[in-house]
Structure formats: C-alpha cells, structure tokens
Amino acid sequence: MPKPRILLADDHTLIVEAFTKLLEPQFQVVGSAADGRALLQKASDLRPDVILLDLSMPVLNGFEAGERLKKLLPNTKLVVLTMTEDVDVAAELLDTWASAFLLKKSASEELVRAIQQVLKGKVFLTSHMARAMEDKFAQGPRISRERALTSRQREVLQLLAEGRTMKEAAHVLNVTPRTVAFHKYKIMEEFELKTNSDLLRFAMKQRLIP
C-alpha cells in the first residue's frame, strides 16, 4: 500500500527539514512551499493527501491559502501547524476548512497521530487547547459585526503590510500599480485609516501578518 503523500508549507527551512525527517518513516513528503502562493501552485500540481501549513506565511498567509485550498482540493486534508494559541482562530478554522489544529510546540507523536486521524476523516485538536475549545463551544457561536475585506483587499493589504511597494505588490498579483492603489485607498476609506501605520496595525488585527 503506498504511503500517504504530504506537502509541507512553512517559510522556515529548519522546520521543514525537521518535519520531513519526522514524517518520512510513515509518510511520503512530496514537497514544500515557503509562501502561500507557492503552496497553491505546488498543491495543484502534486495533489497530496495532506497539507501541513503554517498561518504566518509571506506573500499569501495561511488563512487565505487554506480557504482557497479547500475549494481547489476538497479531498485533501489541511492540518494547521502554528504558534498561534488563539481559541477563536482554532474554532474558526476547524469550522471552515481545517481538519486539524496543532501548535508547533506540540509533541512530535501528536503530529503523527493528527495526520493519521485526519486521513480517517476525523478532526484533531491539539491537547494543549482541547479544554479551552470545549469551553468556547459551550458559549455558543460569536457573531461578528465587523465589515469584511474582500479577497483582493486582503491580498493587497498583506503585501503592503509586508513592506512591498505598490509596484512590487502589483507584480505579485499580476495587476497594475493603479489597481493596487485603488484597493489600498478603498480599504483606508472604508475602515477610516489615516496613515500607513494605521494600515499596518489593521493588517495585524486582521491576522494578515504576525
């Protein structure tokens, strides 16, 4: 029986190497990606059984990449592996596109077990956050009253918040700098942001950058 195929997505080479060494005895690591856009391309080409992805990736973060991967490869299991110990984030992702949510400080045995569980169609949550998650579900769903950014606005905002110029962001998105400028100032107008510092803080609040 062939080994399940795993794709890794993290912008830290040492982490990718460590996970590859950990997983290869039981799984086939078919590749890795250092940013969200590279992940989308490699996932489309390789069509793995499981994707391990970090949330804080450059160019396109794990939140956006995960949503797109769920639509692109609905049968592929998405395992979040992050430093973010936020119950709201875990609840949101498990409810939308993730099959497992683990912390990078989790034991290596837990990661292997999580992959085995999601391959069986089950959901896995790291033991570090399980009790907090139970309390969260007991409180019922939280209704968000914030206006939502469009997908394109989130892309533009992340790239600008990462320090790219409008011309550089336009190149990544394959649009004109004028289009990037339009989205930037539309965001600033809609959310009453006055300066680039306000824009940066807003991007952090939106979890587009660490």
N, C-alpha and C. Protein backbone atom coordinates (compact mmCIF):
# COMPACT_ATOMS: atom_id res chain seq x y z
N MET A 1 0.85 -1.20 0.00
CA MET A 1 0.00 0.00 0.00
C MET A 1 0.89 1.25 0.00
N PRO A 2 0.67 2.20 -0.91
CA PRO A 2 1.51 3.40 -0.96
C PRO A 2 1.33 4.27 0.28
N LYS A 3 2.40 4.96 0.66
CA LYS A 3 2.34 5.85 1.82
C LYS A 3 1.51 7.09 1.48
N PRO A 4 0.76 7.61 2.46
CA PRO A 4 0.06 8.88 2.24
C PRO A 4 1.05 9.98 1.86
N ARG A 5 0.63 10.86 0.96
CA ARG A 5 1.50 11.91 0.43
C ARG A 5 1.27 13.23 1.17
N ILE A 6 2.37 13.81 1.67
CA ILE A 6 2.30 15.01 2.49
C ILE A 6 3.02 16.16 1.81
N LEU A 7 2.41 17.35 1.83
CA LEU A 7 3.04 18.58 1.36
C LEU A 7 3.21 19.52 2.55
N LEU A 8 4.40 20.07 2.73
CA LEU A 8 4.70 20.95 3.85
C LEU A 8 4.74 22.41 3.39
N ALA A 9 4.18 23.31 4.21
CA ALA A 9 4.20 24.73 3.88
C ALA A 9 4.63 25.53 5.10
N ASP A 10 5.85 26.04 5.05
CA ASP A 10 6.40 26.84 6.14
C ASP A 10 7.58 27.61 5.57
N ASP A 11 7.76 28.86 6.00
CA ASP A 11 8.86 29.65 5.45
C ASP A 11 10.16 29.51 6.23
N HIS A 12 10.23 28.58 7.16
CA HIS A 12 11.46 28.32 7.91
C HIS A 12 12.04 26.98 7.46
N THR A 13 13.19 27.03 6.82
CA THR A 13 13.81 25.83 6.25
C THR A 13 14.08 24.77 7.30
N LEU A 14 14.55 25.18 8.48
CA LEU A 14 14.87 24.21 9.52
C LEU A 14 13.63 23.45 9.98
N ILE A 15 12.50 24.13 10.04
CA ILE A 15 11.26 23.48 10.45
C ILE A 15 10.83 22.46 9.40
N VAL A 16 10.92 22.85 8.13
CA VAL A 16 10.57 21.92 7.04
C VAL A 16 11.46 20.69 7.09
N GLU A 17 12.74 20.88 7.30
CA GLU A 17 13.67 19.75 7.36
C GLU A 17 13.36 18.85 8.54
N ALA A 18 13.04 19.45 9.69
CA ALA A 18 12.74 18.65 10.88
C ALA A 18 11.46 17.84 10.69
N PHE A 19 10.43 18.46 10.12
CA PHE A 19 9.17 17.75 9.88
C PHE A 19 9.34 16.65 8.84
N THR A 20 10.14 16.91 7.84
CA THR A 20 10.39 15.89 6.81
C THR A 20 11.04 14.66 7.44
N LYS A 21 12.04 14.89 8.26
CA LYS A 21 12.73 13.78 8.94
C LYS A 21 11.79 13.02 9.86
N LEU A 22 10.91 13.75 10.54
CA LEU A 22 9.96 13.13 11.46
C LEU A 22 8.93 12.28 10.73
N LEU A 23 8.43 12.77 9.60
CA LEU A 23 7.30 12.13 8.93
C LEU A 23 7.67 11.04 7.94
N GLU A 24 8.85 11.11 7.37
CA GLU A 24 9.18 10.20 6.27
C GLU A 24 9.13 8.70 6.59
N PRO A 25 9.35 8.27 7.82
CA PRO A 25 9.21 6.83 8.06
C PRO A 25 7.80 6.29 7.76
N GLN A 26 6.75 7.13 7.98
CA GLN A 26 5.38 6.66 7.79
C GLN A 26 4.68 7.29 6.58
N PHE A 27 5.18 8.42 6.12
CA PHE A 27 4.52 9.15 5.04
C PHE A 27 5.53 9.51 3.95
N GLN A 28 5.01 9.89 2.80
CA GLN A 28 5.86 10.36 1.71
C GLN A 28 5.75 11.88 1.61
N VAL A 29 6.80 12.58 1.96
CA VAL A 29 6.82 14.04 1.85
C VAL A 29 7.15 14.39 0.40
N VAL A 30 6.16 14.93 -0.31
CA VAL A 30 6.30 15.12 -1.76
C VAL A 30 6.84 16.50 -2.12
N GLY A 31 6.93 17.40 -1.15
CA GLY A 31 7.45 18.72 -1.46
C GLY A 31 7.21 19.70 -0.34
N SER A 32 7.65 20.95 -0.56
CA SER A 32 7.46 22.00 0.44
C SER A 32 7.28 23.33 -0.27
N ALA A 33 6.68 24.28 0.43
CA ALA A 33 6.46 25.62 -0.10
C ALA A 33 6.76 26.63 0.99
N ALA A 34 7.39 27.76 0.61
CA ALA A 34 7.80 28.76 1.60
C ALA A 34 6.85 29.94 1.69
N ASP A 35 5.85 30.01 0.82
CA ASP A 35 4.85 31.07 0.91
C ASP A 35 3.52 30.56 0.39
N GLY A 36 2.47 31.32 0.65
CA GLY A 36 1.14 30.85 0.32
C GLY A 36 0.87 30.67 -1.16
N ARG A 37 1.43 31.53 -1.98
CA ARG A 37 1.20 31.40 -3.43
C ARG A 37 1.93 30.19 -4.00
N ALA A 38 3.14 29.97 -3.53
CA ALA A 38 3.87 28.77 -3.96
C ALA A 38 3.14 27.52 -3.51
N LEU A 39 2.53 27.59 -2.33
CA LEU A 39 1.77 26.45 -1.82
C LEU A 39 0.60 26.12 -2.74
N LEU A 40 -0.14 27.13 -3.17
CA LEU A 40 -1.28 26.89 -4.05
C LEU A 40 -0.84 26.21 -5.34
N GLN A 41 0.27 26.68 -5.90
CA GLN A 41 0.75 26.11 -7.15
C GLN A 41 1.21 24.66 -6.97
N LYS A 42 2.00 24.42 -5.91
CA LYS A 42 2.51 23.07 -5.68
C LYS A 42 1.39 22.10 -5.32
N ALA A 43 0.43 22.58 -4.54
CA ALA A 43 -0.71 21.72 -4.17
C ALA A 43 -1.50 21.33 -5.41
N SER A 44 -1.69 22.27 -6.31
CA SER A 44 -2.42 22.00 -7.54
C SER A 44 -1.68 20.97 -8.41
N ASP A 45 -0.35 21.09 -8.44
CA ASP A 45 0.46 20.17 -9.25
C ASP A 45 0.57 18.78 -8.62
N LEU A 46 0.79 18.75 -7.29
CA LEU A 46 1.11 17.49 -6.61
C LEU A 46 -0.11 16.74 -6.07
N ARG A 47 -1.17 17.49 -5.74
CA ARG A 47 -2.41 16.91 -5.21
C ARG A 47 -2.13 15.90 -4.08
N PRO A 48 -1.57 16.38 -2.98
CA PRO A 48 -1.22 15.50 -1.87
C PRO A 48 -2.46 15.06 -1.08
N ASP A 49 -2.28 14.06 -0.23
CA ASP A 49 -3.36 13.62 0.64
C ASP A 49 -3.55 14.57 1.82
N VAL A 50 -2.44 15.11 2.30
CA VAL A 50 -2.46 16.00 3.47
C VAL A 50 -1.51 17.17 3.22
N ILE A 51 -1.93 18.37 3.64
CA ILE A 51 -1.05 19.54 3.60
C ILE A 51 -0.89 20.07 5.02
N LEU A 52 0.36 20.21 5.45
CA LEU A 52 0.67 20.85 6.73
C LEU A 52 1.03 22.29 6.43
N LEU A 53 0.30 23.24 7.02
CA LEU A 53 0.59 24.63 6.71
C LEU A 53 0.63 25.52 7.93
N ASP A 54 1.57 26.46 7.90
CA ASP A 54 1.67 27.49 8.92
C ASP A 54 0.70 28.61 8.55
N LEU A 55 0.30 29.40 9.54
CA LEU A 55 -0.61 30.51 9.27
C LEU A 55 0.14 31.79 8.89
N SER A 56 1.37 31.93 9.38
CA SER A 56 2.13 33.17 9.17
C SER A 56 3.13 33.01 8.02
N MET A 57 2.61 32.82 6.82
CA MET A 57 3.46 32.71 5.64
C MET A 57 3.46 34.02 4.87
N PRO A 58 4.58 34.35 4.22
CA PRO A 58 4.63 35.59 3.42
C PRO A 58 3.85 35.47 2.11
N VAL A 59 3.68 36.62 1.46
CA VAL A 59 3.02 36.78 0.16
C VAL A 59 1.53 36.47 0.23
N LEU A 60 1.18 35.27 0.69
CA LEU A 60 -0.23 34.92 0.94
C LEU A 60 -0.24 34.08 2.20
N ASN A 61 -0.92 34.56 3.24
CA ASN A 61 -0.87 33.88 4.53
C ASN A 61 -1.67 32.59 4.54
N GLY A 62 -1.50 31.81 5.61
CA GLY A 62 -2.15 30.51 5.70
C GLY A 62 -3.66 30.57 5.79
N PHE A 63 -4.21 31.65 6.35
CA PHE A 63 -5.66 31.80 6.42
C PHE A 63 -6.26 31.82 5.01
N GLU A 64 -5.68 32.68 4.15
CA GLU A 64 -6.18 32.80 2.79
C GLU A 64 -5.89 31.54 1.98
N ALA A 65 -4.67 31.02 2.12
CA ALA A 65 -4.29 29.83 1.37
C ALA A 65 -5.18 28.65 1.73
N GLY A 66 -5.49 28.49 3.01
CA GLY A 66 -6.33 27.39 3.44
C GLY A 66 -7.72 27.44 2.83
N GLU A 67 -8.31 28.63 2.80
CA GLU A 67 -9.64 28.78 2.20
C GLU A 67 -9.62 28.38 0.72
N ARG A 68 -8.59 28.81 0.01
CA ARG A 68 -8.51 28.50 -1.42
C ARG A 68 -8.23 27.03 -1.66
N LEU A 69 -7.38 26.45 -0.82
CA LEU A 69 -7.06 25.03 -0.97
C LEU A 69 -8.28 24.16 -0.75
N LYS A 70 -9.14 24.56 0.19
CA LYS A 70 -10.36 23.79 0.46
C LYS A 70 -11.24 23.72 -0.78
N LYS A 71 -11.28 24.81 -1.53
CA LYS A 71 -12.08 24.83 -2.77
C LYS A 71 -11.34 24.12 -3.91
N LEU A 72 -10.03 24.32 -3.96
CA LEU A 72 -9.23 23.75 -5.03
C LEU A 72 -9.10 22.23 -4.92
N LEU A 73 -8.87 21.75 -3.68
CA LEU A 73 -8.65 20.32 -3.43
C LEU A 73 -9.52 19.88 -2.25
N PRO A 74 -10.80 19.72 -2.47
CA PRO A 74 -11.71 19.41 -1.36
C PRO A 74 -11.43 18.09 -0.65
N ASN A 75 -10.74 17.18 -1.30
CA ASN A 75 -10.45 15.88 -0.68
C ASN A 75 -9.12 15.85 0.07
N THR A 76 -8.33 16.90 -0.08
CA THR A 76 -7.07 16.99 0.63
C THR A 76 -7.30 17.49 2.06
N LYS A 77 -6.68 16.85 3.03
CA LYS A 77 -6.85 17.24 4.43
C LYS A 77 -5.84 18.34 4.78
N LEU A 78 -6.31 19.38 5.42
CA LEU A 78 -5.48 20.53 5.76
C LEU A 78 -5.21 20.55 7.25
N VAL A 79 -3.93 20.47 7.61
CA VAL A 79 -3.51 20.44 9.01
C VAL A 79 -2.77 21.73 9.33
N VAL A 80 -3.31 22.52 10.24
CA VAL A 80 -2.67 23.77 10.65
C VAL A 80 -1.63 23.46 11.73
N LEU A 81 -0.44 23.99 11.53
CA LEU A 81 0.65 23.83 12.48
C LEU A 81 1.22 25.22 12.73
N THR A 82 0.94 25.79 13.91
CA THR A 82 1.19 27.20 14.13
C THR A 82 1.68 27.49 15.54
N MET A 83 2.13 28.72 15.76
CA MET A 83 2.47 29.18 17.10
C MET A 83 1.31 29.94 17.73
N THR A 84 0.23 30.11 16.98
CA THR A 84 -0.92 30.90 17.42
C THR A 84 -1.79 30.13 18.40
N GLU A 85 -1.75 30.50 19.67
CA GLU A 85 -2.55 29.84 20.70
C GLU A 85 -3.84 30.64 20.94
N ASP A 86 -4.64 30.75 19.92
CA ASP A 86 -5.87 31.54 19.95
C ASP A 86 -7.05 30.61 19.71
N VAL A 87 -7.89 30.44 20.71
CA VAL A 87 -9.03 29.54 20.61
C VAL A 87 -10.01 30.00 19.53
N ASP A 88 -10.19 31.31 19.40
CA ASP A 88 -11.10 31.82 18.37
C ASP A 88 -10.61 31.44 16.98
N VAL A 89 -9.31 31.54 16.77
CA VAL A 89 -8.73 31.17 15.47
C VAL A 89 -8.93 29.68 15.22
N ALA A 90 -8.61 28.86 16.20
CA ALA A 90 -8.76 27.41 16.05
C ALA A 90 -10.21 27.03 15.75
N ALA A 91 -11.14 27.63 16.48
CA ALA A 91 -12.55 27.32 16.28
C ALA A 91 -13.01 27.71 14.87
N GLU A 92 -12.57 28.88 14.43
CA GLU A 92 -12.96 29.37 13.10
C GLU A 92 -12.44 28.46 12.00
N LEU A 93 -11.16 28.08 12.10
CA LEU A 93 -10.56 27.27 11.04
C LEU A 93 -11.10 25.85 11.01
N LEU A 94 -11.29 25.25 12.18
CA LEU A 94 -11.84 23.90 12.24
C LEU A 94 -13.28 23.88 11.73
N ASP A 95 -13.97 25.00 11.86
CA ASP A 95 -15.36 25.08 11.42
C ASP A 95 -15.47 25.35 9.92
N THR A 96 -14.37 25.79 9.31
CA THR A 96 -14.43 26.16 7.89
C THR A 96 -13.62 25.22 7.00
N TRP A 97 -12.29 25.19 7.17
CA TRP A 97 -11.52 24.40 6.21
C TRP A 97 -10.47 23.46 6.80
N ALA A 98 -10.08 23.65 8.04
CA ALA A 98 -9.01 22.82 8.61
C ALA A 98 -9.55 21.50 9.17
N SER A 99 -8.76 20.43 9.04
CA SER A 99 -9.11 19.14 9.64
C SER A 99 -8.39 18.93 10.96
N ALA A 100 -7.32 19.69 11.19
CA ALA A 100 -6.57 19.57 12.45
C ALA A 100 -5.91 20.89 12.76
N PHE A 101 -5.74 21.15 14.05
CA PHE A 101 -5.10 22.38 14.52
C PHE A 101 -4.11 22.00 15.60
N LEU A 102 -2.81 22.21 15.32
CA LEU A 102 -1.76 21.87 16.28
C LEU A 102 -0.85 23.07 16.49
N LEU A 103 -0.19 23.08 17.64
CA LEU A 103 0.81 24.09 17.94
C LEU A 103 2.19 23.54 17.61
N LYS A 104 3.10 24.43 17.22
CA LYS A 104 4.44 23.98 16.89
C LYS A 104 5.17 23.40 18.10
N LYS A 105 4.71 23.75 19.29
CA LYS A 105 5.34 23.19 20.48
C LYS A 105 4.74 21.83 20.85
N SER A 106 3.76 21.36 20.08
CA SER A 106 3.16 20.05 20.35
C SER A 106 4.20 18.94 20.18
N ALA A 107 3.99 17.84 20.86
CA ALA A 107 4.90 16.71 20.77
C ALA A 107 4.86 16.12 19.36
N SER A 108 5.99 15.60 18.91
CA SER A 108 6.06 15.03 17.57
C SER A 108 5.08 13.88 17.38
N GLU A 109 4.85 13.11 18.44
CA GLU A 109 3.90 12.00 18.36
C GLU A 109 2.50 12.51 18.07
N GLU A 110 2.18 13.70 18.56
CA GLU A 110 0.85 14.26 18.35
C GLU A 110 0.65 14.62 16.88
N LEU A 111 1.69 15.10 16.23
CA LEU A 111 1.59 15.44 14.81
C LEU A 111 1.32 14.20 13.98
N VAL A 112 2.06 13.14 14.24
CA VAL A 112 1.85 11.89 13.51
C VAL A 112 0.43 11.38 13.75
N ARG A 113 -0.03 11.45 14.99
CA ARG A 113 -1.38 10.98 15.31
C ARG A 113 -2.44 11.84 14.62
N ALA A 114 -2.20 13.14 14.54
CA ALA A 114 -3.14 14.03 13.89
C ALA A 114 -3.30 13.68 12.42
N ILE A 115 -2.19 13.42 11.75
CA ILE A 115 -2.26 13.06 10.33
C ILE A 115 -3.00 11.74 10.15
N GLN A 116 -2.73 10.79 11.01
CA GLN A 116 -3.42 9.51 10.93
C GLN A 116 -4.92 9.68 11.13
N GLN A 117 -5.30 10.57 12.05
CA GLN A 117 -6.72 10.80 12.32
C GLN A 117 -7.43 11.48 11.16
N VAL A 118 -6.80 12.52 10.59
CA VAL A 118 -7.49 13.24 9.51
C VAL A 118 -7.60 12.37 8.26
N LEU A 119 -6.65 11.47 8.05
CA LEU A 119 -6.75 10.55 6.92
C LEU A 119 -7.93 9.59 7.06
N LYS A 120 -8.40 9.42 8.30
CA LYS A 120 -9.57 8.59 8.56
C LYS A 120 -10.86 9.41 8.54
N GLY A 121 -10.74 10.69 8.21
CA GLY A 121 -11.91 11.55 8.14
C GLY A 121 -12.29 12.20 9.46
N LYS A 122 -11.39 12.16 10.44
CA LYS A 122 -11.68 12.73 11.75
C LYS A 122 -11.03 14.10 11.89
N VAL A 123 -11.49 14.84 12.90
CA VAL A 123 -10.94 16.15 13.22
C VAL A 123 -10.03 16.01 14.43
N PHE A 124 -8.91 16.74 14.41
CA PHE A 124 -7.94 16.64 15.51
C PHE A 124 -7.60 18.03 16.02
N LEU A 125 -7.62 18.16 17.35
CA LEU A 125 -7.23 19.41 18.01
C LEU A 125 -6.15 19.10 19.03
N THR A 126 -5.09 19.90 19.03
CA THR A 126 -4.01 19.68 19.97
C THR A 126 -4.50 19.65 21.42
N SER A 127 -3.91 18.78 22.20
CA SER A 127 -4.33 18.62 23.60
C SER A 127 -4.11 19.90 24.40
N HIS A 128 -3.17 20.74 23.95
CA HIS A 128 -2.90 22.00 24.67
C HIS A 128 -4.11 22.93 24.67
N MET A 129 -5.00 22.77 23.68
CA MET A 129 -6.12 23.70 23.55
C MET A 129 -7.48 23.03 23.63
N ALA A 130 -7.51 21.73 23.86
CA ALA A 130 -8.77 21.00 23.82
C ALA A 130 -9.77 21.51 24.86
N ARG A 131 -9.32 21.70 26.10
CA ARG A 131 -10.24 22.15 27.16
C ARG A 131 -10.77 23.56 26.86
N ALA A 132 -9.89 24.43 26.41
CA ALA A 132 -10.32 25.79 26.08
C ALA A 132 -11.34 25.78 24.94
N MET A 133 -11.15 24.86 23.99
CA MET A 133 -12.08 24.75 22.88
C MET A 133 -13.45 24.26 23.34
N GLU A 134 -13.47 23.33 24.27
CA GLU A 134 -14.73 22.85 24.81
C GLU A 134 -15.50 24.00 25.46
N ASP A 135 -14.79 24.83 26.20
CA ASP A 135 -15.43 25.99 26.83
C ASP A 135 -15.96 26.95 25.78
N LYS A 136 -15.21 27.09 24.70
CA LYS A 136 -15.61 28.01 23.64
C LYS A 136 -16.90 27.55 22.97
N PHE A 137 -16.99 26.25 22.66
CA PHE A 137 -18.19 25.71 22.05
C PHE A 137 -19.39 25.82 22.98
N ALA A 138 -19.15 25.67 24.27
CA ALA A 138 -20.22 25.75 25.25
C ALA A 138 -20.84 27.14 25.29
N GLN A 139 -20.03 28.16 24.94
CA GLN A 139 -20.53 29.53 24.96
C GLN A 139 -21.41 29.84 23.74
N GLY A 140 -21.33 28.99 22.72
CA GLY A 140 -22.09 29.23 21.50
C GLY A 140 -21.33 30.10 20.53
N PRO A 141 -21.81 30.23 19.31
CA PRO A 141 -21.09 30.99 18.28
C PRO A 141 -21.06 32.47 18.57
N ARG A 142 -19.94 33.10 18.19
CA ARG A 142 -19.80 34.54 18.33
C ARG A 142 -20.19 35.20 17.01
N ILE A 143 -21.02 36.21 17.09
CA ILE A 143 -21.45 36.91 15.89
C ILE A 143 -20.54 38.10 15.64
N SER A 144 -19.91 38.11 14.50
CA SER A 144 -19.00 39.21 14.16
C SER A 144 -19.78 40.33 13.49
N ARG A 145 -19.56 41.55 13.98
CA ARG A 145 -20.24 42.70 13.41
C ARG A 145 -19.29 43.56 12.57
N GLU A 146 -18.06 43.12 12.38
CA GLU A 146 -17.11 43.86 11.60
C GLU A 146 -17.35 43.67 10.10
N ARG A 147 -17.13 44.73 9.36
CA ARG A 147 -17.20 44.61 7.91
C ARG A 147 -16.06 43.72 7.43
N ALA A 148 -16.32 42.97 6.39
CA ALA A 148 -15.31 42.03 5.91
C ALA A 148 -14.57 42.61 4.71
N LEU A 149 -13.27 42.35 4.66
CA LEU A 149 -12.48 42.69 3.49
C LEU A 149 -12.78 41.69 2.37
N THR A 150 -12.68 42.15 1.15
CA THR A 150 -12.78 41.21 0.03
C THR A 150 -11.48 40.42 -0.07
N SER A 151 -11.50 39.35 -0.84
CA SER A 151 -10.31 38.53 -1.02
C SER A 151 -9.17 39.36 -1.62
N ARG A 152 -9.47 40.19 -2.62
CA ARG A 152 -8.44 41.01 -3.24
C ARG A 152 -7.90 42.06 -2.27
N GLN A 153 -8.79 42.64 -1.47
CA GLN A 153 -8.34 43.61 -0.48
C GLN A 153 -7.38 42.98 0.53
N ARG A 154 -7.67 41.75 0.92
CA ARG A 154 -6.80 41.06 1.88
C ARG A 154 -5.43 40.78 1.25
N GLU A 155 -5.42 40.42 -0.02
CA GLU A 155 -4.14 40.18 -0.71
C GLU A 155 -3.31 41.47 -0.76
N VAL A 156 -3.94 42.54 -1.18
CA VAL A 156 -3.24 43.82 -1.28
C VAL A 156 -2.74 44.28 0.08
N LEU A 157 -3.59 44.18 1.08
CA LEU A 157 -3.23 44.62 2.42
C LEU A 157 -2.04 43.84 2.97
N GLN A 158 -2.05 42.52 2.78
CA GLN A 158 -0.93 41.73 3.29
C GLN A 158 0.38 42.12 2.62
N LEU A 159 0.37 42.24 1.31
CA LEU A 159 1.60 42.57 0.59
C LEU A 159 2.14 43.94 0.99
N LEU A 160 1.28 44.91 1.13
CA LEU A 160 1.72 46.25 1.54
C LEU A 160 2.22 46.24 2.98
N ALA A 161 1.54 45.48 3.84
CA ALA A 161 1.95 45.41 5.24
C ALA A 161 3.29 44.70 5.40
N GLU A 162 3.62 43.83 4.44
CA GLU A 162 4.92 43.16 4.46
C GLU A 162 6.05 44.06 3.98
N GLY A 163 5.70 45.28 3.57
CA GLY A 163 6.72 46.24 3.17
C GLY A 163 6.94 46.36 1.67
N ARG A 164 6.11 45.71 0.88
CA ARG A 164 6.25 45.81 -0.57
C ARG A 164 5.70 47.14 -1.08
N THR A 165 6.31 47.66 -2.12
CA THR A 165 5.79 48.86 -2.76
C THR A 165 4.55 48.49 -3.58
N MET A 166 3.83 49.51 -4.03
CA MET A 166 2.65 49.24 -4.86
C MET A 166 3.05 48.53 -6.15
N LYS A 167 4.20 48.92 -6.70
CA LYS A 167 4.67 48.29 -7.93
C LYS A 167 5.00 46.81 -7.69
N GLU A 168 5.66 46.52 -6.57
CA GLU A 168 6.01 45.13 -6.25
C GLU A 168 4.75 44.30 -5.98
N ALA A 169 3.80 44.88 -5.25
CA ALA A 169 2.54 44.17 -4.98
C ALA A 169 1.80 43.90 -6.28
N ALA A 170 1.81 44.87 -7.17
CA ALA A 170 1.14 44.71 -8.46
C ALA A 170 1.76 43.57 -9.25
N HIS A 171 3.08 43.44 -9.19
CA HIS A 171 3.77 42.36 -9.91
C HIS A 171 3.36 41.00 -9.36
N VAL A 172 3.28 40.87 -8.03
CA VAL A 172 2.89 39.61 -7.41
C VAL A 172 1.46 39.23 -7.82
N LEU A 173 0.58 40.21 -7.84
CA LEU A 173 -0.84 39.96 -8.11
C LEU A 173 -1.18 39.99 -9.60
N ASN A 174 -0.19 40.37 -10.42
CA ASN A 174 -0.41 40.45 -11.87
C ASN A 174 -1.50 41.46 -12.22
N VAL A 175 -1.43 42.61 -11.55
CA VAL A 175 -2.34 43.71 -11.83
C VAL A 175 -1.49 44.98 -11.99
N THR A 176 -2.12 46.10 -12.26
CA THR A 176 -1.37 47.35 -12.39
C THR A 176 -1.20 48.01 -11.03
N PRO A 177 -0.13 48.82 -10.86
CA PRO A 177 0.03 49.57 -9.61
C PRO A 177 -1.18 50.45 -9.30
N ARG A 178 -1.82 50.93 -10.34
CA ARG A 178 -3.02 51.75 -10.14
C ARG A 178 -4.12 50.94 -9.46
N THR A 179 -4.25 49.66 -9.83
CA THR A 179 -5.25 48.80 -9.20
C THR A 179 -4.93 48.58 -7.72
N VAL A 180 -3.64 48.38 -7.42
CA VAL A 180 -3.22 48.23 -6.03
C VAL A 180 -3.54 49.49 -5.24
N ALA A 181 -3.23 50.63 -5.82
CA ALA A 181 -3.51 51.91 -5.16
C ALA A 181 -5.00 52.07 -4.89
N PHE A 182 -5.81 51.69 -5.87
CA PHE A 182 -7.26 51.78 -5.70
C PHE A 182 -7.71 50.97 -4.47
N HIS A 183 -7.24 49.72 -4.37
CA HIS A 183 -7.65 48.87 -3.26
C HIS A 183 -7.11 49.41 -1.92
N LYS A 184 -5.88 49.89 -1.94
CA LYS A 184 -5.30 50.43 -0.70
C LYS A 184 -6.16 51.57 -0.15
N TYR A 185 -6.46 52.54 -1.00
CA TYR A 185 -7.18 53.71 -0.53
C TYR A 185 -8.66 53.41 -0.28
N LYS A 186 -9.18 52.39 -0.95
CA LYS A 186 -10.55 51.95 -0.66
C LYS A 186 -10.61 51.36 0.74
N ILE A 187 -9.60 50.57 1.10
CA ILE A 187 -9.53 50.00 2.46
C ILE A 187 -9.43 51.12 3.49
N MET A 188 -8.54 52.08 3.21
CA MET A 188 -8.34 53.17 4.17
C MET A 188 -9.62 54.00 4.34
N GLU A 189 -10.35 54.18 3.25
CA GLU A 189 -11.60 54.94 3.32
C GLU A 189 -12.67 54.16 4.09
N GLU A 190 -12.85 52.87 3.76
CA GLU A 190 -13.91 52.08 4.37
C GLU A 190 -13.70 51.86 5.86
N PHE A 191 -12.42 51.73 6.27
CA PHE A 191 -12.14 51.42 7.66
C PHE A 191 -11.55 52.60 8.42
N GLU A 192 -11.65 53.79 7.80
CA GLU A 192 -11.26 55.04 8.44
C GLU A 192 -9.82 55.00 8.95
N LEU A 193 -8.92 54.58 8.06
CA LEU A 193 -7.49 54.54 8.38
C LEU A 193 -6.84 55.77 7.76
N LYS A 194 -6.02 56.46 8.54
CA LYS A 194 -5.47 57.74 8.09
C LYS A 194 -4.03 57.64 7.58
N THR A 195 -3.24 56.74 8.14
CA THR A 195 -1.82 56.67 7.82
C THR A 195 -1.41 55.24 7.48
N ASN A 196 -0.18 55.10 6.98
CA ASN A 196 0.34 53.76 6.71
C ASN A 196 0.52 52.96 8.00
N SER A 197 0.79 53.65 9.09
CA SER A 197 0.89 52.97 10.39
C SER A 197 -0.46 52.39 10.79
N ASP A 198 -1.53 53.14 10.53
CA ASP A 198 -2.88 52.63 10.79
C ASP A 198 -3.14 51.39 9.93
N LEU A 199 -2.67 51.44 8.70
CA LEU A 199 -2.86 50.32 7.77
C LEU A 199 -2.12 49.09 8.28
N LEU A 200 -0.92 49.28 8.79
CA LEU A 200 -0.12 48.18 9.32
C LEU A 200 -0.80 47.56 10.54
N ARG A 201 -1.26 48.40 11.45
CA ARG A 201 -1.95 47.88 12.64
C ARG A 201 -3.23 47.14 12.26
N PHE A 202 -3.92 47.65 11.25
CA PHE A 202 -5.15 47.00 10.79
C PHE A 202 -4.84 45.62 10.20
N ALA A 203 -3.73 45.52 9.45
CA ALA A 203 -3.33 44.24 8.88
C ALA A 203 -3.02 43.23 9.98
N MET A 204 -2.41 43.68 11.06
CA MET A 204 -2.12 42.80 12.19
C MET A 204 -3.42 42.35 12.86
N LYS A 205 -4.35 43.28 12.99
CA LYS A 205 -5.64 42.95 13.59
C LYS A 205 -6.40 41.91 12.75
N GLN A 206 -6.21 42.01 11.43
CA GLN A 206 -6.87 41.08 10.50
C GLN A 206 -6.11 39.75 10.40
N ARG A 207 -5.02 39.62 11.15
CA ARG A 207 -4.20 38.41 11.18
C ARG A 207 -3.53 38.13 9.82
N LEU A 208 -3.25 39.19 9.08
CA LEU A 208 -2.58 39.02 7.80
C LEU A 208 -1.06 38.97 7.95
N ILE A 209 -0.55 39.57 9.01
CA ILE A 209 0.86 39.49 9.34
C ILE A 209 0.98 39.23 10.83
N PRO A 210 2.12 38.67 11.29
CA PRO A 210 2.29 38.36 12.72
C PRO A 210 2.26 39.62 13.56
